[in-house]
PDB file of all heavy atoms in Angstrom:
ATOM      1  N   TRP A   1     -21.065  -5.577   7.886  1.00  0.00           N
ATOM      2  CA  TRP A   1     -19.966  -4.820   8.473  1.00  0.00           C
ATOM      3  C   TRP A   1     -20.135  -3.357   8.086  1.00  0.00           C
ATOM      4  O   TRP A   1     -20.253  -3.020   6.910  1.00  0.00           O
ATOM      5  CB  TRP A   1     -18.647  -5.398   7.963  1.00  0.00           C
ATOM      6  CG  TRP A   1     -17.407  -4.619   8.327  1.00  0.00           C
ATOM      7  CD1 TRP A   1     -17.286  -3.659   9.282  1.00  0.00           C
ATOM      8  CD2 TRP A   1     -16.115  -4.753   7.741  1.00  0.00           C
ATOM      9  NE1 TRP A   1     -16.002  -3.185   9.338  1.00  0.00           N
ATOM     10  CE2 TRP A   1     -15.260  -3.837   8.395  1.00  0.00           C
ATOM     11  CE3 TRP A   1     -15.592  -5.560   6.740  1.00  0.00           C
ATOM     12  CZ2 TRP A   1     -13.917  -3.709   8.060  1.00  0.00           C
ATOM     13  CZ3 TRP A   1     -14.248  -5.431   6.416  1.00  0.00           C
ATOM     14  CH2 TRP A   1     -13.417  -4.518   7.062  1.00  0.00           C
ATOM     15  N   HIS A   2     -20.111  -2.455   9.073  1.00  0.00           N
ATOM     16  CA  HIS A   2     -20.309  -1.023   8.850  1.00  0.00           C
ATOM     17  C   HIS A   2     -18.949  -0.333   8.759  1.00  0.00           C
ATOM     18  O   HIS A   2     -18.348   0.019   9.778  1.00  0.00           O
ATOM     19  CB  HIS A   2     -21.158  -0.436   9.976  1.00  0.00           C
ATOM     20  CG  HIS A   2     -22.498  -1.102  10.101  1.00  0.00           C
ATOM     21  ND1 HIS A   2     -23.550  -0.822   9.262  1.00  0.00           N
ATOM     22  CD2 HIS A   2     -22.939  -2.069  10.948  1.00  0.00           C
ATOM     23  CE1 HIS A   2     -24.586  -1.570   9.589  1.00  0.00           C
ATOM     24  NE2 HIS A   2     -24.242  -2.343  10.598  1.00  0.00           N
ATOM     25  N   LYS A   3     -18.490  -0.124   7.532  1.00  0.00           N
ATOM     26  CA  LYS A   3     -17.150   0.418   7.330  1.00  0.00           C
ATOM     27  C   LYS A   3     -17.067   1.918   7.567  1.00  0.00           C
ATOM     28  O   LYS A   3     -15.980   2.488   7.493  1.00  0.00           O
ATOM     29  CB  LYS A   3     -16.654   0.080   5.917  1.00  0.00           C
ATOM     30  CG  LYS A   3     -16.407  -1.408   5.709  1.00  0.00           C
ATOM     31  CD  LYS A   3     -15.783  -1.683   4.347  1.00  0.00           C
ATOM     32  CE  LYS A   3     -15.513  -3.168   4.155  1.00  0.00           C
ATOM     33  NZ  LYS A   3     -14.908  -3.461   2.836  1.00  0.00           N
ATOM     34  N   GLY A   4     -18.214   2.555   7.850  1.00  0.00           N
ATOM     35  CA  GLY A   4     -18.161   3.952   8.255  1.00  0.00           C
ATOM     36  C   GLY A   4     -17.568   4.113   9.640  1.00  0.00           C
ATOM     37  O   GLY A   4     -17.103   5.198  10.013  1.00  0.00           O
ATOM     38  N   GLU A   5     -17.577   3.027  10.426  1.00  0.00           N
ATOM     39  CA  GLU A   5     -16.919   3.033  11.731  1.00  0.00           C
ATOM     40  C   GLU A   5     -15.435   2.689  11.551  1.00  0.00           C
ATOM     41  O   GLU A   5     -15.011   2.201  10.504  1.00  0.00           O
ATOM     42  CB  GLU A   5     -17.590   2.025  12.658  1.00  0.00           C
ATOM     43  CG  GLU A   5     -19.043   2.336  12.958  1.00  0.00           C
ATOM     44  CD  GLU A   5     -19.231   3.706  13.572  1.00  0.00           C
ATOM     45  OE1 GLU A   5     -18.462   4.049  14.497  1.00  0.00           O
ATOM     46  OE2 GLU A   5     -20.135   4.439  13.136  1.00  0.00           O
ATOM     47  N   VAL A   6     -14.655   2.949  12.595  1.00  0.00           N
ATOM     48  CA  VAL A   6     -13.216   2.714  12.524  1.00  0.00           C
ATOM     49  C   VAL A   6     -12.933   1.222  12.331  1.00  0.00           C
ATOM     50  O   VAL A   6     -13.524   0.371  12.992  1.00  0.00           O
ATOM     51  CB  VAL A   6     -12.531   3.210  13.810  1.00  0.00           C
ATOM     52  CG1 VAL A   6     -11.063   2.793  13.830  1.00  0.00           C
ATOM     53  CG2 VAL A   6     -12.638   4.721  13.924  1.00  0.00           C
ATOM     54  N   PHE A   7     -12.037   0.922  11.379  1.00  0.00           N
ATOM     55  CA  PHE A   7     -11.544  -0.439  11.224  1.00  0.00           C
ATOM     56  C   PHE A   7     -10.033  -0.406  11.066  1.00  0.00           C
ATOM     57  O   PHE A   7      -9.439   0.657  10.847  1.00  0.00           O
ATOM     58  CB  PHE A   7     -12.218  -1.158  10.043  1.00  0.00           C
ATOM     59  CG  PHE A   7     -11.996  -0.527   8.690  1.00  0.00           C
ATOM     60  CD1 PHE A   7     -10.941  -0.919   7.881  1.00  0.00           C
ATOM     61  CD2 PHE A   7     -12.865   0.441   8.218  1.00  0.00           C
ATOM     62  CE1 PHE A   7     -10.747  -0.353   6.638  1.00  0.00           C
ATOM     63  CE2 PHE A   7     -12.681   1.023   6.964  1.00  0.00           C
ATOM     64  CZ  PHE A   7     -11.616   0.627   6.174  1.00  0.00           C
ATOM     65  N   GLY A   8      -9.419  -1.549  11.217  1.00  0.00           N
ATOM     66  CA  GLY A   8      -7.967  -1.610  11.170  1.00  0.00           C
ATOM     67  C   GLY A   8      -7.455  -2.218   9.882  1.00  0.00           C
ATOM     68  O   GLY A   8      -8.132  -3.032   9.245  1.00  0.00           O
ATOM     69  N   ILE A   9      -6.264  -1.808   9.495  1.00  0.00           N
ATOM     70  CA  ILE A   9      -5.510  -2.486   8.442  1.00  0.00           C
ATOM     71  C   ILE A   9      -4.150  -2.828   9.044  1.00  0.00           C
ATOM     72  O   ILE A   9      -3.591  -2.050   9.817  1.00  0.00           O
ATOM     73  CB  ILE A   9      -5.358  -1.634   7.170  1.00  0.00           C
ATOM     74  CG1 ILE A   9      -4.656  -0.302   7.471  1.00  0.00           C
ATOM     75  CG2 ILE A   9      -6.712  -1.376   6.540  1.00  0.00           C
ATOM     76  CD1 ILE A   9      -4.365   0.524   6.220  1.00  0.00           C
ATOM     77  N   ALA A  10      -3.645  -3.992   8.744  1.00  0.00           N
ATOM     78  CA  ALA A  10      -2.419  -4.431   9.421  1.00  0.00           C
ATOM     79  C   ALA A  10      -1.618  -5.363   8.533  1.00  0.00           C
ATOM     80  O   ALA A  10      -2.154  -6.025   7.643  1.00  0.00           O
ATOM     81  CB  ALA A  10      -2.757  -5.129  10.737  1.00  0.00           C
ATOM     82  N   ALA A  11      -0.318  -5.404   8.792  1.00  0.00           N
ATOM     83  CA  ALA A  11       0.583  -6.377   8.178  1.00  0.00           C
ATOM     84  C   ALA A  11       1.450  -6.968   9.276  1.00  0.00           C
ATOM     85  O   ALA A  11       1.782  -6.291  10.256  1.00  0.00           O
ATOM     86  CB  ALA A  11       1.457  -5.727   7.111  1.00  0.00           C
ATOM     87  N   ARG A  12       1.801  -8.235   9.113  1.00  0.00           N
ATOM     88  CA  ARG A  12       2.543  -8.953  10.143  1.00  0.00           C
ATOM     89  C   ARG A  12       3.645  -9.794   9.520  1.00  0.00           C
ATOM     90  O   ARG A  12       3.522 -10.275   8.402  1.00  0.00           O
ATOM     91  CB  ARG A  12       1.583  -9.866  10.899  1.00  0.00           C
ATOM     92  CG  ARG A  12       2.249 -10.765  11.931  1.00  0.00           C
ATOM     93  CD  ARG A  12       1.740 -12.196  11.837  1.00  0.00           C
ATOM     94  NE  ARG A  12       2.198 -12.900  10.640  1.00  0.00           N
ATOM     95  CZ  ARG A  12       1.767 -14.095  10.270  1.00  0.00           C
ATOM     96  NH1 ARG A  12       0.846 -14.705  10.970  1.00  0.00           N
ATOM     97  NH2 ARG A  12       2.258 -14.685   9.181  1.00  0.00           N
ATOM     98  N   SER A  13       4.735  -9.955  10.270  1.00  0.00           N
ATOM     99  CA  SER A  13       5.826 -10.825   9.833  1.00  0.00           C
ATOM    100  C   SER A  13       6.456 -11.471  11.055  1.00  0.00           C
ATOM    101  O   SER A  13       6.146 -11.119  12.196  1.00  0.00           O
ATOM    102  CB  SER A  13       6.895 -10.021   9.075  1.00  0.00           C
ATOM    103  OG  SER A  13       7.576  -9.140   9.968  1.00  0.00           O
ATOM    104  N   TYR A  14       7.345 -12.430  10.796  1.00  0.00           N
ATOM    105  CA  TYR A  14       8.166 -13.012  11.856  1.00  0.00           C
ATOM    106  C   TYR A  14       9.631 -12.783  11.496  1.00  0.00           C
ATOM    107  O   TYR A  14      10.030 -12.895  10.333  1.00  0.00           O
ATOM    108  CB  TYR A  14       7.896 -14.512  12.001  1.00  0.00           C
ATOM    109  CG  TYR A  14       6.509 -14.828  12.496  1.00  0.00           C
ATOM    110  CD1 TYR A  14       5.540 -15.322  11.630  1.00  0.00           C
ATOM    111  CD2 TYR A  14       6.172 -14.621  13.825  1.00  0.00           C
ATOM    112  CE1 TYR A  14       4.264 -15.605  12.084  1.00  0.00           C
ATOM    113  CE2 TYR A  14       4.892 -14.904  14.288  1.00  0.00           C
ATOM    114  CZ  TYR A  14       3.948 -15.394  13.412  1.00  0.00           C
ATOM    115  OH  TYR A  14       2.676 -15.662  13.862  1.00  0.00           O
ATOM    116  N   CYS A  15      10.432 -12.461  12.522  1.00  0.00           N
ATOM    117  CA  CYS A  15      11.859 -12.243  12.330  1.00  0.00           C
ATOM    118  C   CYS A  15      12.626 -12.982  13.427  1.00  0.00           C
ATOM    119  O   CYS A  15      12.225 -12.940  14.600  1.00  0.00           O
ATOM    120  CB  CYS A  15      12.216 -10.757  12.404  1.00  0.00           C
ATOM    121  SG  CYS A  15      11.409  -9.705  11.189  1.00  0.00           S
ATOM    122  N   ASP A  16      13.716 -13.630  13.048  1.00  0.00           N
ATOM    123  CA  ASP A  16      14.605 -14.185  14.059  1.00  0.00           C
ATOM    124  C   ASP A  16      15.225 -13.044  14.858  1.00  0.00           C
ATOM    125  O   ASP A  16      15.533 -11.971  14.304  1.00  0.00           O
ATOM    126  CB  ASP A  16      15.713 -15.005  13.406  1.00  0.00           C
ATOM    127  CG  ASP A  16      15.182 -16.276  12.743  1.00  0.00           C
ATOM    128  OD1 ASP A  16      14.086 -16.730  13.116  1.00  0.00           O
ATOM    129  OD2 ASP A  16      15.874 -16.800  11.844  1.00  0.00           O
ATOM    130  N   SER A  17      15.396 -13.262  16.162  1.00  0.00           N
ATOM    131  CA  SER A  17      16.021 -12.243  17.006  1.00  0.00           C
ATOM    132  C   SER A  17      16.582 -12.903  18.256  1.00  0.00           C
ATOM    133  O   SER A  17      15.914 -13.761  18.859  1.00  0.00           O
ATOM    134  CB  SER A  17      15.013 -11.170  17.419  1.00  0.00           C
ATOM    135  OG  SER A  17      15.576 -10.298  18.401  1.00  0.00           O
ATOM    136  N   PRO A  18      17.788 -12.502  18.681  1.00  0.00           N
ATOM    137  CA  PRO A  18      18.329 -13.040  19.936  1.00  0.00           C
ATOM    138  C   PRO A  18      17.614 -12.486  21.162  1.00  0.00           C
ATOM    139  O   PRO A  18      17.890 -12.912  22.283  1.00  0.00           O
ATOM    140  CB  PRO A  18      19.792 -12.597  19.899  1.00  0.00           C
ATOM    141  CG  PRO A  18      19.796 -11.372  19.051  1.00  0.00           C
ATOM    142  CD  PRO A  18      18.740 -11.598  18.014  1.00  0.00           C
ATOM    143  N   PHE A  19      16.693 -11.539  20.950  1.00  0.00           N
ATOM    144  CA  PHE A  19      15.974 -10.920  22.067  1.00  0.00           C
ATOM    145  C   PHE A  19      14.534 -11.424  22.162  1.00  0.00           C
ATOM    146  O   PHE A  19      13.655 -10.726  22.670  1.00  0.00           O
ATOM    147  CB  PHE A  19      15.996  -9.396  21.922  1.00  0.00           C
ATOM    148  CG  PHE A  19      17.378  -8.819  21.833  1.00  0.00           C
ATOM    149  CD1 PHE A  19      17.860  -8.311  20.630  1.00  0.00           C
ATOM    150  CD2 PHE A  19      18.223  -8.803  22.943  1.00  0.00           C
ATOM    151  CE1 PHE A  19      19.137  -7.795  20.531  1.00  0.00           C
ATOM    152  CE2 PHE A  19      19.508  -8.287  22.854  1.00  0.00           C
ATOM    153  CZ  PHE A  19      19.962  -7.778  21.646  1.00  0.00           C
ATOM    154  N   SER A  20      14.297 -12.636  21.704  1.00  0.00           N
ATOM    155  CA  SER A  20      12.922 -13.151  21.704  1.00  0.00           C
ATOM    156  C   SER A  20      12.425 -13.484  23.105  1.00  0.00           C
ATOM    157  O   SER A  20      11.230 -13.749  23.282  1.00  0.00           O
ATOM    158  CB  SER A  20      12.808 -14.384  20.801  1.00  0.00           C
ATOM    159  OG  SER A  20      13.381 -15.512  21.423  1.00  0.00           O
ATOM    160  N   ASP A  21      13.312 -13.487  24.110  1.00  0.00           N
ATOM    161  CA  ASP A  21      12.881 -13.700  25.493  1.00  0.00           C
ATOM    162  C   ASP A  21      12.664 -12.390  26.240  1.00  0.00           C
ATOM    163  O   ASP A  21      12.343 -12.412  27.440  1.00  0.00           O
ATOM    164  CB  ASP A  21      13.908 -14.549  26.252  1.00  0.00           C
ATOM    165  CG  ASP A  21      13.958 -15.987  25.749  1.00  0.00           C
ATOM    166  OD1 ASP A  21      12.888 -16.525  25.424  1.00  0.00           O
ATOM    167  OD2 ASP A  21      15.064 -16.547  25.665  1.00  0.00           O
ATOM    168  N   GLU A  22      12.835 -11.252  25.572  1.00  0.00           N
ATOM    169  CA  GLU A  22      12.588  -9.952  26.180  1.00  0.00           C
ATOM    170  C   GLU A  22      11.183  -9.943  26.809  1.00  0.00           C
ATOM    171  O   GLU A  22      10.195 -10.260  26.143  1.00  0.00           O
ATOM    172  CB  GLU A  22      12.701  -8.872  25.095  1.00  0.00           C
ATOM    173  CG  GLU A  22      11.924  -7.604  25.308  1.00  0.00           C
ATOM    174  CD  GLU A  22      12.531  -6.674  26.356  1.00  0.00           C
ATOM    175  OE1 GLU A  22      13.589  -6.995  26.902  1.00  0.00           O
ATOM    176  OE2 GLU A  22      11.916  -5.636  26.635  1.00  0.00           O
ATOM    177  N   PRO A  23      11.065  -9.596  28.110  1.00  0.00           N
ATOM    178  CA  PRO A  23       9.774  -9.747  28.793  1.00  0.00           C
ATOM    179  C   PRO A  23       8.834  -8.554  28.649  1.00  0.00           C
ATOM    180  O   PRO A  23       8.020  -8.296  29.530  1.00  0.00           O
ATOM    181  CB  PRO A  23      10.200  -9.947  30.253  1.00  0.00           C
ATOM    182  CG  PRO A  23      11.434  -9.130  30.386  1.00  0.00           C
ATOM    183  CD  PRO A  23      12.155  -9.253  29.061  1.00  0.00           C
ATOM    184  N   TRP A  24       8.927  -7.827  27.545  1.00  0.00           N
ATOM    185  CA  TRP A  24       8.033  -6.699  27.291  1.00  0.00           C
ATOM    186  C   TRP A  24       7.564  -6.728  25.844  1.00  0.00           C
ATOM    187  O   TRP A  24       8.319  -7.090  24.942  1.00  0.00           O
ATOM    188  CB  TRP A  24       8.739  -5.359  27.554  1.00  0.00           C
ATOM    189  CG  TRP A  24       9.130  -5.153  28.979  1.00  0.00           C
ATOM    190  CD1 TRP A  24      10.301  -5.525  29.572  1.00  0.00           C
ATOM    191  CD2 TRP A  24       8.340  -4.536  30.000  1.00  0.00           C
ATOM    192  NE1 TRP A  24      10.298  -5.185  30.907  1.00  0.00           N
ATOM    193  CE2 TRP A  24       9.106  -4.566  31.199  1.00  0.00           C
ATOM    194  CE3 TRP A  24       7.078  -3.952  30.029  1.00  0.00           C
ATOM    195  CZ2 TRP A  24       8.642  -4.043  32.395  1.00  0.00           C
ATOM    196  CZ3 TRP A  24       6.605  -3.427  31.225  1.00  0.00           C
ATOM    197  CH2 TRP A  24       7.373  -3.471  32.390  1.00  0.00           C
ATOM    198  N   MET A  25       6.318  -6.347  25.636  1.00  0.00           N
ATOM    199  CA  MET A  25       5.808  -6.111  24.287  1.00  0.00           C
ATOM    200  C   MET A  25       6.120  -4.655  23.939  1.00  0.00           C
ATOM    201  O   MET A  25       5.952  -3.763  24.776  1.00  0.00           O
ATOM    202  CB  MET A  25       4.298  -6.359  24.247  1.00  0.00           C
ATOM    203  CG  MET A  25       3.903  -7.757  24.680  1.00  0.00           C
ATOM    204  SD  MET A  25       2.127  -7.916  25.035  1.00  0.00           S
ATOM    205  CE  MET A  25       1.464  -7.908  23.375  1.00  0.00           C
ATOM    206  N   HIS A  26       6.564  -4.409  22.717  1.00  0.00           N
ATOM    207  CA  HIS A  26       6.981  -3.069  22.324  1.00  0.00           C
ATOM    208  C   HIS A  26       6.076  -2.523  21.224  1.00  0.00           C
ATOM    209  O   HIS A  26       5.715  -3.244  20.284  1.00  0.00           O
ATOM    210  CB  HIS A  26       8.425  -3.088  21.817  1.00  0.00           C
ATOM    211  CG  HIS A  26       9.433  -3.360  22.891  1.00  0.00           C
ATOM    212  ND1 HIS A  26      10.266  -2.395  23.404  1.00  0.00           N
ATOM    213  CD2 HIS A  26       9.722  -4.502  23.571  1.00  0.00           C
ATOM    214  CE1 HIS A  26      11.042  -2.930  24.344  1.00  0.00           C
ATOM    215  NE2 HIS A  26      10.726  -4.207  24.459  1.00  0.00           N
ATOM    216  N   SER A  27       5.722  -1.247  21.370  1.00  0.00           N
ATOM    217  CA  SER A  27       4.921  -0.572  20.350  1.00  0.00           C
ATOM    218  C   SER A  27       5.540   0.786  20.041  1.00  0.00           C
ATOM    219  O   SER A  27       5.902   1.535  20.958  1.00  0.00           O
ATOM    220  CB  SER A  27       3.480  -0.395  20.836  1.00  0.00           C
ATOM    221  OG  SER A  27       2.692   0.217  19.839  1.00  0.00           O
ATOM    222  N   HIS A  28       5.698   1.062  18.755  1.00  0.00           N
ATOM    223  CA  HIS A  28       6.244   2.337  18.295  1.00  0.00           C
ATOM    224  C   HIS A  28       5.119   3.135  17.639  1.00  0.00           C
ATOM    225  O   HIS A  28       4.565   2.708  16.627  1.00  0.00           O
ATOM    226  CB  HIS A  28       7.383   2.110  17.304  1.00  0.00           C
ATOM    227  CG  HIS A  28       8.575   1.427  17.897  1.00  0.00           C
ATOM    228  ND1 HIS A  28       8.623   0.051  18.095  1.00  0.00           N
ATOM    229  CD2 HIS A  28       9.762   1.915  18.356  1.00  0.00           C
ATOM    230  CE1 HIS A  28       9.793  -0.269  18.641  1.00  0.00           C
ATOM    231  NE2 HIS A  28      10.492   0.833  18.805  1.00  0.00           N
ATOM    232  N   VAL A  29       4.782   4.267  18.259  1.00  0.00           N
ATOM    233  CA  VAL A  29       3.651   5.056  17.761  1.00  0.00           C
ATOM    234  C   VAL A  29       4.101   6.178  16.831  1.00  0.00           C
ATOM    235  O   VAL A  29       3.264   6.923  16.326  1.00  0.00           O
ATOM    236  CB  VAL A  29       2.820   5.627  18.932  1.00  0.00           C
ATOM    237  CG1 VAL A  29       2.209   4.502  19.738  1.00  0.00           C
ATOM    238  CG2 VAL A  29       3.670   6.525  19.821  1.00  0.00           C
ATOM    239  N   GLU A  30       5.404   6.294  16.615  1.00  0.00           N
ATOM    240  CA  GLU A  30       5.936   7.245  15.635  1.00  0.00           C
ATOM    241  C   GLU A  30       6.589   6.441  14.518  1.00  0.00           C
ATOM    242  O   GLU A  30       7.723   5.980  14.649  1.00  0.00           O
ATOM    243  CB  GLU A  30       6.955   8.187  16.283  1.00  0.00           C
ATOM    244  CG  GLU A  30       7.522   9.209  15.315  1.00  0.00           C
ATOM    245  CD  GLU A  30       8.609  10.084  15.945  1.00  0.00           C
ATOM    246  OE1 GLU A  30       8.982   9.827  17.113  1.00  0.00           O
ATOM    247  OE2 GLU A  30       9.088  11.015  15.276  1.00  0.00           O
ATOM    248  N   LEU A  31       5.867   6.257  13.447  1.00  0.00           N
ATOM    249  CA  LEU A  31       6.372   5.491  12.310  1.00  0.00           C
ATOM    250  C   LEU A  31       6.745   6.432  11.177  1.00  0.00           C
ATOM    251  O   LEU A  31       5.985   7.344  10.833  1.00  0.00           O
ATOM    252  CB  LEU A  31       5.315   4.505  11.813  1.00  0.00           C
ATOM    253  CG  LEU A  31       5.077   3.241  12.634  1.00  0.00           C
ATOM    254  CD1 LEU A  31       4.163   2.300  11.865  1.00  0.00           C
ATOM    255  CD2 LEU A  31       6.383   2.535  12.954  1.00  0.00           C
ATOM    256  N   ARG A  32       7.890   6.191  10.583  1.00  0.00           N
ATOM    257  CA  ARG A  32       8.347   7.002   9.447  1.00  0.00           C
ATOM    258  C   ARG A  32       8.710   6.091   8.292  1.00  0.00           C
ATOM    259  O   ARG A  32       9.163   4.963   8.492  1.00  0.00           O
ATOM    260  CB  ARG A  32       9.545   7.868   9.841  1.00  0.00           C
ATOM    261  CG  ARG A  32       9.214   8.883  10.928  1.00  0.00           C
ATOM    262  CD  ARG A  32      10.419   9.710  11.334  1.00  0.00           C
ATOM    263  NE  ARG A  32      10.099  10.656  12.388  1.00  0.00           N
ATOM    264  CZ  ARG A  32       9.678  11.903  12.171  1.00  0.00           C
ATOM    265  NH1 ARG A  32       9.564  12.354  10.930  1.00  0.00           N
ATOM    266  NH2 ARG A  32       9.387  12.701  13.182  1.00  0.00           N
ATOM    267  N   ASP A  33       8.513   6.583   7.090  1.00  0.00           N
ATOM    268  CA  ASP A  33       8.898   5.802   5.923  1.00  0.00           C
ATOM    269  C   ASP A  33      10.393   5.949   5.681  1.00  0.00           C
ATOM    270  O   ASP A  33      11.118   6.569   6.482  1.00  0.00           O
ATOM    271  CB  ASP A  33       8.069   6.194   4.701  1.00  0.00           C
ATOM    272  CG  ASP A  33       8.311   7.629   4.234  1.00  0.00           C
ATOM    273  OD1 ASP A  33       9.304   8.258   4.674  1.00  0.00           O
ATOM    274  OD2 ASP A  33       7.503   8.120   3.417  1.00  0.00           O
ATOM    275  N   ALA A  34      10.876   5.382   4.572  1.00  0.00           N
ATOM    276  CA  ALA A  34      12.313   5.391   4.297  1.00  0.00           C
ATOM    277  C   ALA A  34      12.858   6.806   4.114  1.00  0.00           C
ATOM    278  O   ALA A  34      14.055   7.045   4.281  1.00  0.00           O
ATOM    279  CB  ALA A  34      12.604   4.557   3.051  1.00  0.00           C
ATOM    280  N   ASP A  35      11.966   7.766   3.796  1.00  0.00           N
ATOM    281  CA  ASP A  35      12.388   9.157   3.618  1.00  0.00           C
ATOM    282  C   ASP A  35      12.228   9.991   4.877  1.00  0.00           C
ATOM    283  O   ASP A  35      12.439  11.206   4.862  1.00  0.00           O
ATOM    284  CB  ASP A  35      11.592   9.803   2.475  1.00  0.00           C
ATOM    285  CG  ASP A  35      11.849   9.116   1.136  1.00  0.00           C
ATOM    286  OD1 ASP A  35      13.023   8.756   0.882  1.00  0.00           O
ATOM    287  OD2 ASP A  35      10.889   8.931   0.368  1.00  0.00           O
ATOM    288  N   GLY A  36      11.808   9.348   5.972  1.00  0.00           N
ATOM    289  CA  GLY A  36      11.658  10.054   7.233  1.00  0.00           C
ATOM    290  C   GLY A  36      10.333  10.763   7.417  1.00  0.00           C
ATOM    291  O   GLY A  36      10.151  11.505   8.385  1.00  0.00           O
ATOM    292  N   VAL A  37       9.377  10.529   6.521  1.00  0.00           N
ATOM    293  CA  VAL A  37       8.069  11.185   6.614  1.00  0.00           C
ATOM    294  C   VAL A  37       7.177  10.381   7.560  1.00  0.00           C
ATOM    295  O   VAL A  37       7.060   9.151   7.442  1.00  0.00           O
ATOM    296  CB  VAL A  37       7.405  11.281   5.223  1.00  0.00           C
ATOM    297  CG1 VAL A  37       6.022  11.919   5.329  1.00  0.00           C
ATOM    298  CG2 VAL A  37       8.302  12.069   4.278  1.00  0.00           C
ATOM    299  N   ILE A  38       6.549  11.086   8.523  1.00  0.00           N
ATOM    300  CA  ILE A  38       5.670  10.419   9.475  1.00  0.00           C
ATOM    301  C   ILE A  38       4.497   9.775   8.744  1.00  0.00           C
ATOM    302  O   ILE A  38       3.865  10.385   7.881  1.00  0.00           O
ATOM    303  CB  ILE A  38       5.151  11.416  10.532  1.00  0.00           C
ATOM    304  CG1 ILE A  38       6.294  11.826  11.464  1.00  0.00           C
ATOM    305  CG2 ILE A  38       4.005  10.815  11.341  1.00  0.00           C
ATOM    306  CD1 ILE A  38       5.898  12.787  12.552  1.00  0.00           C
ATOM    307  N   GLN A  39       4.212   8.525   9.118  1.00  0.00           N
ATOM    308  CA  GLN A  39       3.133   7.763   8.502  1.00  0.00           C
ATOM    309  C   GLN A  39       2.009   7.524   9.510  1.00  0.00           C
ATOM    310  O   GLN A  39       2.261   7.427  10.714  1.00  0.00           O
ATOM    311  CB  GLN A  39       3.660   6.401   8.020  1.00  0.00           C
ATOM    312  CG  GLN A  39       4.764   6.496   6.997  1.00  0.00           C
ATOM    313  CD  GLN A  39       4.283   7.116   5.695  1.00  0.00           C
ATOM    314  OE1 GLN A  39       3.375   6.605   5.049  1.00  0.00           O
ATOM    315  NE2 GLN A  39       4.886   8.233   5.329  1.00  0.00           N
ATOM    316  N   PRO A  40       0.773   7.445   9.048  1.00  0.00           N
ATOM    317  CA  PRO A  40      -0.302   7.089   9.973  1.00  0.00           C
ATOM    318  C   PRO A  40      -0.146   5.648  10.431  1.00  0.00           C
ATOM    319  O   PRO A  40       0.199   4.774   9.640  1.00  0.00           O
ATOM    320  CB  PRO A  40      -1.574   7.250   9.117  1.00  0.00           C
ATOM    321  CG  PRO A  40      -1.100   7.049   7.706  1.00  0.00           C
ATOM    322  CD  PRO A  40       0.297   7.602   7.664  1.00  0.00           C
ATOM    323  N   GLY A  41      -0.345   5.423  11.710  1.00  0.00           N
ATOM    324  CA  GLY A  41      -0.275   4.050  12.190  1.00  0.00           C
ATOM    325  C   GLY A  41       0.757   3.857  13.282  1.00  0.00           C
ATOM    326  O   GLY A  41       1.300   4.808  13.844  1.00  0.00           O
TER     327      GLY A  41
END
């Protein structure tokens, strides 16, 4: 594996939600930490 090329790091969870039948996948490209600082990812 050539780690000089781009690779991903990820974390995943499951959450109960009444909107689990929502017919769209959602992605948020502006992520902020608890202090409001923009995070990579």
